[in-house]
């Protein structure tokens, strides 16, 4: 269900349906900026963040956001880490987590999902509270 929210970028009211709180106009502008970066990097392979920022008149913060989203990747090793893993602090080239932390987080989610699955597995006869699905046949009986 959509709700009205103010765009976090321009302040305009829009129907929010989930995800980041930006209106369609700002989202489209953001996508156009990403396409500009993508084209620039295709034509200027190996450009640094500061070069991209300067030549495209775009903030480093926005470019780093695209890196965090996994849409761009830092190549090579110039000795200056651009991003760090949000869990352990190790330098990374894209995304939010290093490979090791990503694997650990995945294992933790899988373990938690299995625990929840085991707790919620039940037979219909020993349900004491909560909800269940009623088929049309079971509703007609009562």
N, C-alpha and C. Protein backbone atom coordinates (compact mmCIF):
# COMPACT_ATOMS: atom_id res chain seq x y z
N UNK A 1 0.84 -1.18 0.00
CA UNK A 1 0.00 0.00 0.00
C UNK A 1 0.89 1.25 0.00
N UNK A 2 0.60 2.15 -0.88
CA UNK A 2 1.38 3.38 -1.00
C UNK A 2 0.99 4.37 0.09
N UNK A 3 1.94 5.17 0.49
CA UNK A 3 1.67 6.24 1.44
C UNK A 3 2.37 7.50 0.94
N UNK A 4 1.91 8.64 1.38
CA UNK A 4 2.52 9.90 0.97
C UNK A 4 3.73 10.19 1.84
N UNK A 5 4.83 10.55 1.20
CA UNK A 5 6.05 10.96 1.90
C UNK A 5 6.67 12.10 1.12
N UNK A 6 7.54 12.83 1.82
CA UNK A 6 8.31 13.87 1.16
C UNK A 6 9.59 13.28 0.61
N UNK A 7 9.95 13.67 -0.61
CA UNK A 7 11.18 13.23 -1.24
C UNK A 7 12.36 13.72 -0.39
N UNK A 8 13.28 12.82 -0.08
CA UNK A 8 14.43 13.19 0.75
C UNK A 8 15.40 14.09 -0.01
N UNK A 9 15.24 14.19 -1.30
CA UNK A 9 16.14 15.01 -2.10
C UNK A 9 15.55 16.40 -2.39
N UNK A 10 14.32 16.44 -2.92
CA UNK A 10 13.74 17.73 -3.33
C UNK A 10 12.63 18.21 -2.41
N UNK A 11 12.12 17.33 -1.55
CA UNK A 11 11.07 17.72 -0.61
C UNK A 11 9.65 17.58 -1.14
N UNK A 12 9.50 17.27 -2.43
CA UNK A 12 8.18 17.14 -3.04
C UNK A 12 7.43 15.94 -2.47
N UNK A 13 6.12 16.06 -2.31
CA UNK A 13 5.28 14.97 -1.83
C UNK A 13 5.09 13.95 -2.95
N UNK A 14 5.20 12.65 -2.62
CA UNK A 14 5.01 11.61 -3.63
C UNK A 14 4.46 10.35 -2.98
N UNK A 15 3.94 9.44 -3.81
CA UNK A 15 3.44 8.15 -3.32
C UNK A 15 4.62 7.22 -3.09
N UNK A 16 4.88 6.93 -1.84
CA UNK A 16 6.00 6.08 -1.46
C UNK A 16 5.51 4.63 -1.42
N UNK A 17 6.22 3.75 -2.13
CA UNK A 17 5.84 2.34 -2.16
C UNK A 17 6.94 1.42 -1.62
N UNK A 18 8.01 2.00 -1.12
CA UNK A 18 9.11 1.21 -0.56
C UNK A 18 10.44 1.65 -1.14
N UNK A 19 11.51 1.19 -0.53
CA UNK A 19 12.85 1.54 -1.00
C UNK A 19 13.27 2.90 -0.48
N UNK A 20 14.11 3.57 -1.26
CA UNK A 20 14.59 4.88 -0.84
C UNK A 20 13.48 5.92 -1.00
N UNK A 21 13.52 6.92 -0.17
CA UNK A 21 12.44 7.92 -0.17
C UNK A 21 12.74 9.07 -1.12
N UNK A 22 12.77 8.76 -2.40
CA UNK A 22 12.92 9.80 -3.41
C UNK A 22 11.79 9.67 -4.43
N UNK A 23 11.37 10.80 -4.94
CA UNK A 23 10.29 10.82 -5.92
C UNK A 23 10.80 10.29 -7.26
N UNK A 24 9.89 10.03 -8.16
CA UNK A 24 10.24 9.48 -9.47
C UNK A 24 11.14 10.42 -10.26
N UNK A 25 10.89 11.72 -10.17
CA UNK A 25 11.72 12.69 -10.88
C UNK A 25 13.17 12.61 -10.42
N UNK A 26 13.37 12.62 -9.10
CA UNK A 26 14.74 12.55 -8.55
C UNK A 26 15.37 11.19 -8.84
N UNK A 27 14.57 10.14 -8.80
CA UNK A 27 15.09 8.80 -9.11
C UNK A 27 15.57 8.76 -10.56
N UNK A 28 14.80 9.35 -11.47
CA UNK A 28 15.20 9.39 -12.88
C UNK A 28 16.46 10.22 -13.09
N UNK A 29 16.57 11.35 -12.36
CA UNK A 29 17.78 12.17 -12.44
C UNK A 29 18.99 11.39 -11.94
N UNK A 30 18.80 10.64 -10.86
CA UNK A 30 19.86 9.82 -10.29
C UNK A 30 20.31 8.76 -11.30
N UNK A 31 19.35 8.14 -11.96
CA UNK A 31 19.67 7.12 -12.96
C UNK A 31 20.41 7.74 -14.15
N UNK A 32 20.01 8.95 -14.53
CA UNK A 32 20.70 9.65 -15.62
C UNK A 32 22.16 9.95 -15.22
N UNK A 33 22.38 10.33 -13.94
CA UNK A 33 23.73 10.57 -13.45
C UNK A 33 24.57 9.29 -13.51
N UNK A 34 23.96 8.17 -13.14
CA UNK A 34 24.68 6.90 -13.19
C UNK A 34 25.07 6.58 -14.63
N UNK A 35 24.16 6.81 -15.55
CA UNK A 35 24.46 6.54 -16.97
C UNK A 35 25.58 7.44 -17.48
N UNK A 36 25.63 8.68 -17.00
CA UNK A 36 26.72 9.59 -17.37
C UNK A 36 28.06 9.05 -16.87
N UNK A 37 28.06 8.57 -15.62
CA UNK A 37 29.28 8.00 -15.05
C UNK A 37 29.70 6.77 -15.84
N UNK A 38 28.74 5.91 -16.12
CA UNK A 38 29.02 4.69 -16.87
C UNK A 38 29.64 5.02 -18.23
N UNK A 39 29.08 5.97 -18.94
CA UNK A 39 29.60 6.39 -20.25
C UNK A 39 31.01 6.98 -20.09
N UNK A 40 31.17 7.83 -19.08
CA UNK A 40 32.47 8.46 -18.83
C UNK A 40 33.54 7.40 -18.57
N UNK A 41 33.21 6.40 -17.74
CA UNK A 41 34.18 5.36 -17.41
C UNK A 41 34.48 4.47 -18.60
N UNK A 42 33.52 4.30 -19.48
CA UNK A 42 33.75 3.53 -20.70
C UNK A 42 34.77 4.26 -21.59
N UNK A 43 34.64 5.58 -21.62
CA UNK A 43 35.54 6.40 -22.46
C UNK A 43 36.85 6.74 -21.76
N UNK A 44 36.88 6.68 -20.42
CA UNK A 44 38.06 7.05 -19.63
C UNK A 44 38.36 5.95 -18.62
N UNK A 45 38.69 4.77 -19.12
CA UNK A 45 38.91 3.62 -18.24
C UNK A 45 40.00 3.93 -17.22
N UNK A 46 39.72 3.53 -15.98
CA UNK A 46 40.69 3.71 -14.91
C UNK A 46 40.67 5.09 -14.28
N UNK A 47 39.68 5.93 -14.63
CA UNK A 47 39.60 7.27 -14.03
C UNK A 47 39.37 7.16 -12.52
N UNK A 48 39.93 8.09 -11.79
CA UNK A 48 39.75 8.10 -10.33
C UNK A 48 38.42 8.75 -9.98
N UNK A 49 38.03 8.57 -8.74
CA UNK A 49 36.78 9.18 -8.27
C UNK A 49 36.86 10.69 -8.39
N UNK A 50 37.99 11.26 -8.05
CA UNK A 50 38.12 12.71 -8.12
C UNK A 50 38.04 13.20 -9.56
N UNK A 51 38.59 12.44 -10.51
CA UNK A 51 38.48 12.81 -11.92
C UNK A 51 37.02 12.78 -12.38
N UNK A 52 36.32 11.71 -12.05
CA UNK A 52 34.92 11.57 -12.43
C UNK A 52 34.12 12.72 -11.82
N UNK A 53 34.34 12.97 -10.55
CA UNK A 53 33.63 14.04 -9.85
C UNK A 53 33.88 15.39 -10.50
N UNK A 54 35.12 15.67 -10.78
CA UNK A 54 35.50 16.97 -11.36
C UNK A 54 34.97 17.13 -12.79
N UNK A 55 35.20 16.12 -13.62
CA UNK A 55 34.81 16.23 -15.02
C UNK A 55 33.29 16.23 -15.22
N UNK A 56 32.57 15.51 -14.37
CA UNK A 56 31.12 15.43 -14.53
C UNK A 56 30.36 16.38 -13.60
N UNK A 57 31.11 17.16 -12.80
CA UNK A 57 30.48 18.09 -11.85
C UNK A 57 29.47 17.34 -10.96
N UNK A 58 29.97 16.25 -10.37
CA UNK A 58 29.14 15.40 -9.54
C UNK A 58 29.84 15.19 -8.21
N UNK A 59 29.10 15.08 -7.14
CA UNK A 59 29.72 14.93 -5.82
C UNK A 59 30.37 13.55 -5.65
N UNK A 60 31.45 13.53 -4.90
CA UNK A 60 32.11 12.27 -4.57
C UNK A 60 31.15 11.39 -3.77
N UNK A 61 30.33 12.02 -2.94
CA UNK A 61 29.36 11.29 -2.13
C UNK A 61 28.42 10.47 -3.01
N UNK A 62 27.95 11.05 -4.10
CA UNK A 62 27.04 10.34 -5.01
C UNK A 62 27.77 9.18 -5.68
N UNK A 63 29.00 9.39 -6.09
CA UNK A 63 29.78 8.33 -6.74
C UNK A 63 30.03 7.19 -5.75
N UNK A 64 30.34 7.54 -4.50
CA UNK A 64 30.55 6.52 -3.47
C UNK A 64 29.26 5.73 -3.21
N UNK A 65 28.13 6.40 -3.30
CA UNK A 65 26.84 5.71 -3.11
C UNK A 65 26.66 4.65 -4.19
N UNK A 66 27.00 4.98 -5.44
CA UNK A 66 26.91 4.00 -6.52
C UNK A 66 27.89 2.84 -6.28
N UNK A 67 29.04 3.13 -5.70
CA UNK A 67 29.99 2.07 -5.34
C UNK A 67 29.38 1.18 -4.25
N UNK A 68 28.79 1.79 -3.22
CA UNK A 68 28.17 1.04 -2.13
C UNK A 68 27.02 0.17 -2.63
N UNK A 69 26.29 0.68 -3.62
CA UNK A 69 25.17 -0.08 -4.17
C UNK A 69 25.64 -1.23 -5.05
N UNK A 70 26.94 -1.31 -5.30
CA UNK A 70 27.48 -2.38 -6.13
C UNK A 70 27.31 -2.13 -7.61
N UNK A 71 27.05 -0.89 -7.98
CA UNK A 71 26.85 -0.55 -9.39
C UNK A 71 28.15 -0.13 -10.06
N UNK A 72 29.15 0.22 -9.28
CA UNK A 72 30.48 0.59 -9.76
C UNK A 72 31.51 -0.17 -8.92
N UNK A 73 32.72 -0.27 -9.44
CA UNK A 73 33.78 -0.94 -8.70
C UNK A 73 35.09 -0.19 -8.90
N UNK A 74 35.85 -0.10 -7.81
CA UNK A 74 37.18 0.50 -7.88
C UNK A 74 38.12 -0.56 -8.45
N UNK A 75 38.92 -0.18 -9.44
CA UNK A 75 39.87 -1.13 -10.01
C UNK A 75 41.29 -0.71 -9.65
N UNK A 76 42.18 -1.68 -9.64
CA UNK A 76 43.57 -1.38 -9.31
C UNK A 76 43.74 -1.13 -7.82
N UNK A 77 44.95 -0.75 -7.46
CA UNK A 77 45.25 -0.48 -6.06
C UNK A 77 46.20 0.71 -6.00
N UNK A 78 45.61 1.88 -5.76
CA UNK A 78 46.47 3.08 -5.69
C UNK A 78 46.90 3.38 -4.26
N UNK A 79 46.62 2.43 -3.33
CA UNK A 79 47.05 2.60 -1.95
C UNK A 79 46.09 3.39 -1.09
N UNK A 80 45.10 4.04 -1.70
CA UNK A 80 44.13 4.83 -0.94
C UNK A 80 42.78 4.14 -1.01
N UNK A 81 42.37 3.46 0.07
CA UNK A 81 41.07 2.79 0.04
C UNK A 81 39.93 3.80 -0.04
N UNK A 82 38.98 3.52 -0.90
CA UNK A 82 37.84 4.40 -1.09
C UNK A 82 36.68 3.97 -0.20
N UNK A 83 36.49 2.66 -0.11
CA UNK A 83 35.40 2.10 0.69
C UNK A 83 35.96 1.15 1.73
N UNK A 84 35.21 1.00 2.81
CA UNK A 84 35.57 0.05 3.85
C UNK A 84 34.35 -0.81 4.19
N UNK A 85 34.61 -2.07 4.52
CA UNK A 85 33.56 -2.99 4.93
C UNK A 85 32.85 -2.40 6.15
N UNK A 86 31.52 -2.41 6.10
CA UNK A 86 30.74 -1.83 7.20
C UNK A 86 30.78 -2.67 8.46
N UNK A 87 31.27 -3.91 8.34
CA UNK A 87 31.31 -4.77 9.51
C UNK A 87 32.70 -4.83 10.14
N UNK A 88 33.74 -5.05 9.31
CA UNK A 88 35.08 -5.23 9.89
C UNK A 88 36.04 -4.08 9.57
N UNK A 89 35.69 -3.22 8.63
CA UNK A 89 36.53 -2.08 8.31
C UNK A 89 37.60 -2.32 7.26
N UNK A 90 37.69 -3.53 6.72
CA UNK A 90 38.68 -3.83 5.68
C UNK A 90 38.37 -3.03 4.41
N UNK A 91 39.40 -2.64 3.66
CA UNK A 91 39.16 -1.94 2.38
C UNK A 91 38.45 -2.86 1.39
N UNK A 92 37.49 -2.31 0.67
CA UNK A 92 36.75 -3.08 -0.35
C UNK A 92 36.66 -2.25 -1.62
N UNK A 93 36.31 -2.88 -2.71
CA UNK A 93 36.24 -2.21 -4.01
C UNK A 93 34.81 -1.86 -4.43
N UNK A 94 33.84 -2.53 -3.86
CA UNK A 94 32.44 -2.27 -4.18
C UNK A 94 31.55 -2.86 -3.09
N UNK A 95 30.32 -2.40 -3.01
CA UNK A 95 29.36 -2.95 -2.05
C UNK A 95 29.51 -2.39 -0.65
N UNK A 96 28.96 -3.14 0.30
CA UNK A 96 28.98 -2.70 1.69
C UNK A 96 29.87 -3.56 2.58
N UNK A 97 30.12 -4.81 2.16
CA UNK A 97 30.85 -5.74 3.00
C UNK A 97 31.95 -6.43 2.20
N UNK A 98 33.01 -6.83 2.88
CA UNK A 98 34.07 -7.62 2.24
C UNK A 98 33.51 -9.03 1.99
N UNK A 99 34.25 -9.82 1.21
CA UNK A 99 33.80 -11.17 0.87
C UNK A 99 33.60 -12.03 2.11
N UNK A 100 34.54 -11.96 3.04
CA UNK A 100 34.46 -12.79 4.25
C UNK A 100 33.23 -12.43 5.08
N UNK A 101 33.00 -11.13 5.30
CA UNK A 101 31.84 -10.71 6.08
C UNK A 101 30.53 -11.03 5.35
N UNK A 102 30.53 -10.90 4.03
CA UNK A 102 29.34 -11.25 3.25
C UNK A 102 28.99 -12.72 3.44
N UNK A 103 30.01 -13.57 3.40
CA UNK A 103 29.78 -15.01 3.59
C UNK A 103 29.28 -15.29 5.01
N UNK A 104 29.87 -14.63 6.00
CA UNK A 104 29.43 -14.82 7.39
C UNK A 104 27.99 -14.35 7.59
N UNK A 105 27.64 -13.22 7.00
CA UNK A 105 26.28 -12.70 7.12
C UNK A 105 25.30 -13.67 6.46
N UNK A 106 25.67 -14.19 5.30
CA UNK A 106 24.81 -15.17 4.62
C UNK A 106 24.60 -16.41 5.48
N UNK A 107 25.69 -16.89 6.10
CA UNK A 107 25.59 -18.07 6.98
C UNK A 107 24.69 -17.78 8.17
N UNK A 108 24.81 -16.57 8.74
CA UNK A 108 23.98 -16.19 9.89
C UNK A 108 22.51 -16.13 9.50
N UNK A 109 22.22 -15.56 8.33
CA UNK A 109 20.82 -15.50 7.86
C UNK A 109 20.28 -16.91 7.63
N UNK A 110 21.06 -17.77 7.01
CA UNK A 110 20.62 -19.13 6.74
C UNK A 110 20.37 -19.88 8.04
N UNK A 111 21.26 -19.71 9.00
CA UNK A 111 21.10 -20.35 10.29
C UNK A 111 19.84 -19.87 11.00
N UNK A 112 19.62 -18.54 10.96
CA UNK A 112 18.43 -17.97 11.59
C UNK A 112 17.16 -18.44 10.90
N UNK A 113 17.19 -18.50 9.57
CA UNK A 113 16.03 -18.97 8.81
C UNK A 113 15.71 -20.41 9.16
N UNK A 114 16.74 -21.25 9.30
CA UNK A 114 16.53 -22.65 9.67
C UNK A 114 15.94 -22.76 11.07
N UNK A 115 16.45 -21.93 12.00
CA UNK A 115 15.91 -21.95 13.37
C UNK A 115 14.44 -21.54 13.37
N UNK A 116 14.11 -20.50 12.60
CA UNK A 116 12.72 -20.02 12.54
C UNK A 116 11.84 -21.08 11.88
N UNK A 117 12.37 -21.74 10.87
CA UNK A 117 11.61 -22.79 10.17
C UNK A 117 11.30 -23.93 11.13
N UNK A 118 12.31 -24.33 11.91
CA UNK A 118 12.11 -25.42 12.87
C UNK A 118 11.13 -25.04 13.96
N UNK A 119 11.15 -23.79 14.42
CA UNK A 119 10.23 -23.36 15.46
C UNK A 119 8.80 -23.27 14.94
N UNK A 120 8.64 -22.91 13.66
CA UNK A 120 7.30 -22.71 13.14
C UNK A 120 6.73 -23.96 12.50
N UNK A 121 7.53 -25.04 12.39
CA UNK A 121 6.96 -26.26 11.82
C UNK A 121 6.04 -26.87 12.87
N UNK A 122 4.87 -27.24 12.42
CA UNK A 122 3.86 -27.73 13.35
C UNK A 122 2.91 -28.66 12.62
N UNK A 123 2.18 -29.39 13.39
CA UNK A 123 1.08 -30.15 12.81
C UNK A 123 -0.20 -29.43 13.18
N UNK A 124 -1.20 -29.53 12.35
CA UNK A 124 -2.42 -28.75 12.54
C UNK A 124 -3.07 -29.05 13.88
N UNK A 125 -2.85 -30.23 14.43
CA UNK A 125 -3.51 -30.63 15.66
C UNK A 125 -3.02 -29.92 16.90
N UNK A 126 -1.79 -29.41 16.94
CA UNK A 126 -1.29 -28.83 18.18
C UNK A 126 -1.08 -27.32 18.08
N UNK A 127 -1.90 -26.63 17.32
CA UNK A 127 -1.84 -25.17 17.25
C UNK A 127 -2.75 -24.64 18.36
N UNK A 128 -2.20 -23.83 19.24
CA UNK A 128 -3.01 -23.30 20.32
C UNK A 128 -3.41 -21.85 20.08
N UNK A 129 -2.69 -21.14 19.26
CA UNK A 129 -3.04 -19.75 18.97
C UNK A 129 -2.45 -19.34 17.64
N UNK A 130 -2.85 -18.19 17.13
CA UNK A 130 -2.33 -17.70 15.86
C UNK A 130 -3.38 -17.77 14.77
N UNK A 131 -2.93 -17.88 13.54
CA UNK A 131 -3.85 -17.93 12.40
C UNK A 131 -3.51 -19.12 11.53
N UNK A 132 -4.47 -19.52 10.72
CA UNK A 132 -4.24 -20.55 9.72
C UNK A 132 -5.13 -20.26 8.53
N UNK A 133 -4.83 -20.89 7.43
CA UNK A 133 -5.60 -20.72 6.21
C UNK A 133 -6.80 -21.65 6.25
N UNK A 134 -7.97 -21.11 5.95
CA UNK A 134 -9.18 -21.92 5.87
C UNK A 134 -9.55 -22.10 4.41
N UNK A 135 -9.65 -23.35 3.99
CA UNK A 135 -10.09 -23.60 2.63
C UNK A 135 -11.61 -23.42 2.58
N UNK A 136 -12.13 -23.29 1.40
CA UNK A 136 -13.59 -23.12 1.26
C UNK A 136 -14.34 -24.30 1.86
N UNK A 137 -13.78 -25.49 1.71
CA UNK A 137 -14.44 -26.69 2.23
C UNK A 137 -14.55 -26.65 3.76
N UNK A 138 -13.49 -26.21 4.44
CA UNK A 138 -13.52 -26.20 5.91
C UNK A 138 -14.45 -25.12 6.44
N UNK A 139 -14.68 -24.04 5.68
CA UNK A 139 -15.60 -23.00 6.14
C UNK A 139 -17.04 -23.43 6.02
N UNK A 140 -17.36 -24.28 5.09
CA UNK A 140 -18.75 -24.73 4.89
C UNK A 140 -19.17 -25.72 5.95
N UNK A 141 -18.21 -26.44 6.54
CA UNK A 141 -18.52 -27.46 7.53
C UNK A 141 -19.10 -26.90 8.81
N UNK A 142 -18.61 -25.78 9.24
CA UNK A 142 -18.94 -25.26 10.54
C UNK A 142 -20.09 -24.38 10.53
